[in-house]
Amino acid sequence: VQLQASGGGLVQAGGSLRLSCAASGRTGSMYFMGWFRQAPGKEREFVARITLSGGSTYYADSVKGRFTISRDNAKKMVYLQMNSLTPEDTAVYYCAAKSYEGVWNYWGQGTQVTVSS
């Protein structure tokens, strides 16, 4: 499985960005796809995840109500719509995938999101 993230950039506080993640390869074992982020000097943290079958979603408290994760199974794409961005959202964002059980074992390269105040 290969994951390719895109859509990062520089945005002012209060603005919006939409991240995309394209999956390719042997994706049949994937059950969850998600987004994580890592800010400078901090550990990587979970942001959101979605089940590829039913579309059930789950968010970190810090982004709940501001970020929306969605998927397009036909295109093998997962998106992260980020609204009301704050400087605290500045980080490298990674998409990831996993099977129903186990750890997040498929990772894309990161895409930088920078929110200016």
Protein backbone atom coordinates (compact mmCIF):
# COMPACT_ATOMS: atom_id res chain seq x y z
CA VAL A 1 0.00 0.00 0.00
CA GLN A 2 1.26 3.44 -0.94
CA LEU A 3 -0.23 6.65 0.43
CA GLN A 4 0.33 10.07 -1.09
CA ALA A 5 -0.73 13.13 0.87
CA SER A 6 -1.16 16.57 -0.61
CA GLY A 7 -2.89 19.89 -0.06
CA GLY A 8 -0.83 21.50 2.66
CA GLY A 9 0.20 25.11 2.58
CA LEU A 10 0.27 28.43 4.34
CA VAL A 11 -3.00 29.91 5.56
CA GLN A 12 -4.02 32.68 7.92
CA ALA A 13 -5.71 31.94 11.20
CA GLY A 14 -9.39 31.37 10.68
CA GLY A 15 -8.83 30.03 7.20
CA SER A 16 -9.38 26.62 5.68
CA LEU A 17 -7.40 23.94 3.90
CA ARG A 18 -8.33 20.61 2.42
CA LEU A 19 -5.83 17.77 2.56
CA SER A 20 -6.05 14.79 0.24
CA CYS A 21 -4.60 11.30 0.52
CA ALA A 22 -4.45 8.94 -2.44
CA ALA A 23 -4.06 5.23 -1.80
CA SER A 24 -2.64 2.78 -4.29
CA GLY A 25 -1.35 -0.74 -4.40
CA ARG A 26 -2.91 -3.64 -2.52
CA THR A 27 -5.50 -1.68 -0.61
CA GLY A 28 -7.89 -4.55 0.01
CA SER A 29 -6.69 -5.08 3.58
CA MET A 30 -7.26 -1.47 4.60
CA TYR A 31 -10.15 -0.90 7.03
CA PHE A 32 -9.30 2.46 8.57
CA MET A 33 -7.69 5.49 7.07
CA GLY A 34 -6.71 8.44 9.13
CA TRP A 35 -4.74 11.60 9.64
CA PHE A 36 -2.04 12.32 12.16
CA ARG A 37 0.09 15.39 12.69
CA GLN A 38 3.40 16.30 14.21
CA ALA A 39 4.25 19.81 15.33
CA PRO A 40 7.87 20.92 15.82
CA GLY A 41 9.26 19.49 19.02
CA LYS A 42 6.17 17.41 19.69
CA GLU A 43 5.20 13.80 19.23
CA ARG A 44 3.00 12.68 16.40
CA GLU A 45 -0.65 12.82 17.40
CA PHE A 46 -3.88 11.39 16.10
CA VAL A 47 -6.23 13.78 14.31
CA ALA A 48 -9.06 11.81 12.72
CA ARG A 49 -9.94 8.47 11.23
CA ILE A 50 -12.64 6.95 9.07
CA THR A 51 -13.74 3.42 8.29
CA LEU A 52 -13.62 2.71 4.59
CA SER A 53 -16.73 0.55 4.66
CA GLY A 54 -19.38 2.41 6.62
CA GLY A 55 -17.73 5.80 6.83
CA SER A 56 -17.75 5.95 10.61
CA THR A 57 -15.57 8.79 11.85
CA TYR A 58 -13.67 9.65 15.00
CA TYR A 59 -11.84 12.85 15.90
CA ALA A 60 -9.37 14.12 18.39
CA ASP A 61 -11.00 16.55 20.79
CA SER A 62 -8.71 19.33 19.60
CA VAL A 63 -10.17 19.27 16.09
CA LYS A 64 -13.73 18.14 16.72
CA GLY A 65 -16.21 20.51 15.11
CA ARG A 66 -13.54 22.12 12.93
CA PHE A 67 -12.14 19.26 10.87
CA THR A 68 -14.06 16.77 8.75
CA ILE A 69 -12.66 13.53 7.37
CA SER A 70 -14.30 11.93 4.36
CA ARG A 71 -13.55 9.27 1.80
CA ASP A 72 -14.21 8.41 -1.81
CA ASN A 73 -13.76 4.66 -2.10
CA ALA A 74 -14.08 4.63 -5.86
CA LYS A 75 -11.13 6.98 -6.15
CA LYS A 76 -9.29 5.48 -3.16
CA MET A 77 -9.07 8.93 -1.66
CA VAL A 78 -9.43 10.28 1.85
CA TYR A 79 -9.80 13.96 2.61
CA LEU A 80 -9.41 16.18 5.61
CA GLN A 81 -11.31 19.45 5.46
CA MET A 82 -9.84 21.81 8.02
CA ASN A 83 -11.77 24.94 8.97
CA SER A 84 -11.22 27.66 11.56
CA LEU A 85 -7.51 26.92 11.58
CA THR A 86 -5.37 28.28 14.39
CA PRO A 87 -1.58 28.55 14.74
CA GLU A 88 -1.79 25.51 17.03
CA ASP A 89 -2.78 23.45 13.99
CA THR A 90 0.61 24.11 12.40
CA ALA A 91 2.24 20.73 11.83
CA VAL A 92 3.25 18.17 9.28
CA TYR A 93 0.15 16.15 8.50
CA TYR A 94 0.40 12.46 7.64
CA CYS A 95 -2.19 10.12 6.24
CA ALA A 96 -2.15 6.55 7.40
CA ALA A 97 -4.01 3.29 6.96
CA LYS A 98 -4.50 0.08 8.87
CA SER A 99 -6.43 -3.11 8.86
CA TYR A 100 -9.25 -3.75 11.32
CA GLU A 101 -6.82 -5.01 13.95
CA GLY A 102 -3.26 -3.97 14.54
CA VAL A 103 -1.34 -0.76 14.38
CA TRP A 104 -1.24 1.99 11.81
CA ASN A 105 1.28 0.36 9.53
CA TYR A 106 0.90 2.27 6.27
CA TRP A 107 2.05 5.87 6.17
CA GLY A 108 2.28 8.53 3.53
CA GLN A 109 4.83 11.28 3.37
CA GLY A 110 3.85 14.35 5.30
CA THR A 111 2.38 17.56 4.00
CA GLN A 112 3.18 20.80 5.81
CA VAL A 113 0.36 22.95 7.14
CA THR A 114 1.36 26.36 8.47
CA VAL A 115 -1.18 28.68 10.06
CA SER A 116 -0.08 32.26 10.57
CA SER A 117 -1.52 34.48 13.27
